Amino acid sequence: MFQRTLAVLRVSPFSVFLKDLGKKNHLAGLHAKDGIKVASRMYKSLTPVQMKALKARAAKIRYPALDAFNRFQRQHAYRFTHLSNLQRQRVIGKMWRELRAKQGKPSKGKGRKTVKPKKVKKSSAKAAKKTAAKRKLKAKVKGPAARKMKVASLKFRASTPKFKLAPKLKKSKKSQRKVLA
């Protein structure tokens, strides 16, 4: 039921195996659920030599930026033990972003990059020109076909006989009582 691992890996060998499969397009065209099932069967059928090689590759994978953040977090977490874990993470994350900004290094924050107003104006003007050109093209292509369809529908309406419906008769109160009874 429980499995014991001797080495704690940052990246699992299975995720490395999945990346390899993705690069080779072995699972192309399969639904995600089915693809994982197939991948797990393939993973379980690996030879011990291949498994050892995957584990070695997984052990070598490091994320230096994440290591630096984890070191920073360990150094500063004791100051915020009075906060809940979520609040502590937010405060330390904010401190990390401020530190990175002071050092002049880009940090991957939640906010989007700001775009200069001139570029926005140019790009919006280009987009407006493109949409106008597309509309004109559609009008040229659609115009004659739409006119033909409209003429055909008018001819069809004119050729069909028009029936007059008989006016609805109002039911008297007596007939309504008979229906209810």
Protein backbone atom coordinates (compact mmCIF):
# COMPACT_ATOMS: atom_id res chain seq x y z
CA MET A 1 0.00 0.00 0.00
CA PHE A 2 2.70 2.48 0.97
CA GLN A 3 5.87 2.94 -1.00
CA ARG A 4 9.13 4.12 0.43
CA THR A 5 11.59 6.14 -1.60
CA LEU A 6 15.24 6.49 -0.71
CA ALA A 7 15.79 9.75 -2.56
CA VAL A 8 13.58 12.79 -2.44
CA LEU A 9 13.53 14.16 -5.95
CA ARG A 10 12.36 17.60 -6.96
CA VAL A 11 11.21 16.23 -10.30
CA SER A 12 9.67 12.78 -10.57
CA PRO A 13 10.99 10.31 -13.14
CA PHE A 14 7.44 9.91 -14.45
CA SER A 15 7.23 13.62 -15.31
CA VAL A 16 10.56 13.35 -17.17
CA PHE A 17 9.14 10.33 -19.01
CA LEU A 18 6.00 12.31 -19.92
CA LYS A 19 8.11 15.16 -21.28
CA ASP A 20 10.00 12.70 -23.46
CA LEU A 21 6.75 11.26 -24.78
CA GLY A 22 5.47 14.75 -25.50
CA LYS A 23 8.59 15.65 -27.47
CA LYS A 24 8.34 12.48 -29.54
CA ASN A 25 4.56 12.89 -30.13
CA HIS A 26 3.81 9.32 -29.05
CA LEU A 27 0.51 10.35 -27.45
CA ALA A 28 -0.68 12.72 -30.17
CA GLY A 29 -4.38 12.46 -30.90
CA LEU A 30 -5.30 10.87 -27.57
CA HIS A 31 -7.56 12.45 -24.98
CA ALA A 32 -5.64 13.53 -21.86
CA LYS A 33 -7.23 10.85 -19.68
CA ASP A 34 -6.45 8.07 -22.16
CA GLY A 35 -2.97 9.44 -22.82
CA ILE A 36 -2.06 9.25 -19.13
CA LYS A 37 -3.30 5.66 -18.95
CA VAL A 38 -1.20 4.67 -21.96
CA ALA A 39 1.80 6.57 -20.60
CA SER A 40 1.54 4.86 -17.21
CA ARG A 41 1.44 1.43 -18.88
CA MET A 42 4.49 2.36 -20.95
CA TYR A 43 6.26 3.67 -17.82
CA LYS A 44 5.58 0.47 -15.88
CA SER A 45 6.90 -1.61 -18.76
CA LEU A 46 10.31 0.12 -18.78
CA THR A 47 13.36 -2.02 -18.17
CA PRO A 48 15.32 -1.50 -14.93
CA VAL A 49 18.17 0.08 -16.90
CA GLN A 50 15.84 2.62 -18.51
CA MET A 51 14.22 3.31 -15.13
CA LYS A 52 17.61 3.93 -13.54
CA ALA A 53 18.53 6.35 -16.34
CA LEU A 54 15.25 8.25 -15.87
CA LYS A 55 15.81 8.52 -12.12
CA ALA A 56 19.33 9.82 -12.71
CA ARG A 57 18.02 12.47 -15.14
CA ALA A 58 15.30 13.48 -12.69
CA ALA A 59 17.85 13.84 -9.88
CA LYS A 60 20.00 16.16 -12.02
CA ILE A 61 17.19 18.60 -12.84
CA ARG A 62 17.43 21.72 -10.71
CA TYR A 63 15.63 25.04 -10.63
CA PRO A 64 18.15 27.65 -9.43
CA ALA A 65 15.58 30.42 -9.10
CA LEU A 66 13.39 28.20 -6.97
CA ASP A 67 16.37 27.17 -4.83
CA ALA A 68 17.20 30.84 -4.19
CA PHE A 69 13.61 31.60 -3.23
CA ASN A 70 13.48 28.58 -0.90
CA ARG A 71 16.69 29.73 0.81
CA PHE A 72 15.22 33.21 1.22
CA GLN A 73 12.02 31.74 2.60
CA ARG A 74 13.87 29.62 5.19
CA GLN A 75 15.83 32.67 6.32
CA HIS A 76 12.76 34.85 6.84
CA ALA A 77 9.91 32.47 7.71
CA TYR A 78 10.63 32.42 11.45
CA ARG A 79 9.69 36.11 11.70
CA PHE A 80 6.14 35.41 10.59
CA THR A 81 5.20 32.34 12.63
CA HIS A 82 2.33 34.30 14.18
CA LEU A 83 0.63 34.46 10.75
CA SER A 84 -1.25 31.68 9.02
CA ASN A 85 0.67 29.74 6.38
CA LEU A 86 -1.13 31.46 3.50
CA GLN A 87 -0.50 34.95 4.89
CA ARG A 88 3.13 34.05 5.61
CA GLN A 89 3.60 32.95 1.99
CA ARG A 90 2.10 36.19 0.72
CA VAL A 91 4.32 38.37 2.92
CA ILE A 92 7.49 36.47 2.03
CA GLY A 93 6.55 36.55 -1.66
CA LYS A 94 6.08 40.30 -1.48
CA MET A 95 9.47 40.69 0.24
CA TRP A 96 11.07 38.49 -2.46
CA ARG A 97 9.62 40.59 -5.27
CA GLU A 98 10.83 43.80 -3.59
CA LEU A 99 14.31 42.35 -3.16
CA ARG A 100 14.45 41.26 -6.79
CA ALA A 101 13.27 44.71 -7.90
CA LYS A 102 16.04 46.38 -5.84
CA GLN A 103 18.61 44.07 -7.40
CA GLY A 104 17.27 44.94 -10.84
CA LYS A 105 16.46 41.34 -11.69
CA PRO A 106 13.18 40.51 -13.35
CA SER A 107 10.80 38.47 -11.24
CA LYS A 108 7.93 36.44 -12.52
CA GLY A 109 5.05 38.27 -10.90
CA LYS A 110 1.32 38.06 -11.38
CA GLY A 111 1.12 41.45 -13.05
CA ARG A 112 1.44 41.92 -16.78
CA LYS A 113 4.15 43.95 -18.41
CA THR A 114 3.21 47.54 -19.01
CA VAL A 115 2.98 48.66 -22.61
CA LYS A 116 3.94 52.15 -23.65
CA PRO A 117 0.97 54.29 -24.75
CA LYS A 118 2.48 55.03 -28.18
CA LYS A 119 2.75 51.35 -28.98
CA VAL A 120 -0.82 50.80 -27.87
CA LYS A 121 -2.06 53.53 -30.18
CA LYS A 122 -0.09 52.17 -33.13
CA SER A 123 -1.17 48.61 -32.52
CA SER A 124 -4.82 49.61 -32.10
CA ALA A 125 -4.66 51.66 -35.31
CA LYS A 126 -3.13 48.70 -37.14
CA ALA A 127 -5.80 46.41 -35.75
CA ALA A 128 -8.52 48.83 -36.86
CA LYS A 129 -7.07 48.94 -40.39
CA LYS A 130 -6.90 45.16 -40.52
CA THR A 131 -10.51 44.74 -39.39
CA ALA A 132 -11.68 47.35 -41.90
CA ALA A 133 -9.85 45.53 -44.68
CA LYS A 134 -11.39 42.22 -43.60
CA ARG A 135 -14.87 43.76 -43.61
CA LYS A 136 -14.39 45.10 -47.13
CA LEU A 137 -13.16 41.74 -48.33
CA LYS A 138 -16.14 39.98 -46.74
CA ALA A 139 -18.51 42.50 -48.30
CA LYS A 140 -17.00 41.88 -51.74
CA VAL A 141 -17.21 38.13 -51.37
CA LYS A 142 -20.48 38.05 -49.52
CA GLY A 143 -22.22 40.79 -51.48
CA PRO A 144 -23.18 39.00 -54.73
CA ALA A 145 -23.98 35.74 -52.97
CA ALA A 146 -26.11 37.50 -50.37
CA ARG A 147 -28.00 39.37 -53.08
CA LYS A 148 -28.70 36.14 -54.95
CA MET A 149 -29.99 34.50 -51.76
CA LYS A 150 -32.20 37.48 -51.01
CA VAL A 151 -33.67 37.51 -54.53
CA ALA A 152 -34.29 33.76 -54.36
CA SER A 153 -36.07 34.04 -51.01
CA LEU A 154 -38.24 36.90 -52.32
CA LYS A 155 -39.19 34.84 -55.39
CA PHE A 156 -40.03 31.88 -53.17
CA ARG A 157 -42.22 34.02 -50.94
CA ALA A 158 -44.00 35.46 -53.97
CA SER A 159 -44.64 32.04 -55.50
CA THR A 160 -46.07 30.46 -52.36
CA PRO A 161 -49.83 30.83 -51.95
CA LYS A 162 -50.95 32.88 -49.01
CA PHE A 163 -53.63 31.35 -46.88
CA LYS A 164 -55.88 33.39 -44.72
CA LEU A 165 -56.51 31.90 -41.37
CA ALA A 166 -60.02 31.88 -40.07
CA PRO A 167 -60.51 34.28 -37.21
CA LYS A 168 -60.47 32.64 -33.82
CA LEU A 169 -63.85 32.27 -32.28
CA LYS A 170 -64.27 33.33 -28.73
CA LYS A 171 -65.67 30.61 -26.58
CA SER A 172 -68.66 31.47 -24.54
CA LYS A 173 -68.69 30.99 -20.82
CA LYS A 174 -71.14 28.10 -21.15
CA SER A 175 -68.85 26.12 -23.47
CA GLN A 176 -65.92 26.75 -21.13
CA ARG A 177 -67.96 25.39 -18.20
CA LYS A 178 -68.81 22.26 -20.19
CA VAL A 179 -65.14 21.64 -20.93
CA LEU A 180 -64.18 22.07 -17.27
CA ALA A 181 -66.94 19.77 -16.00
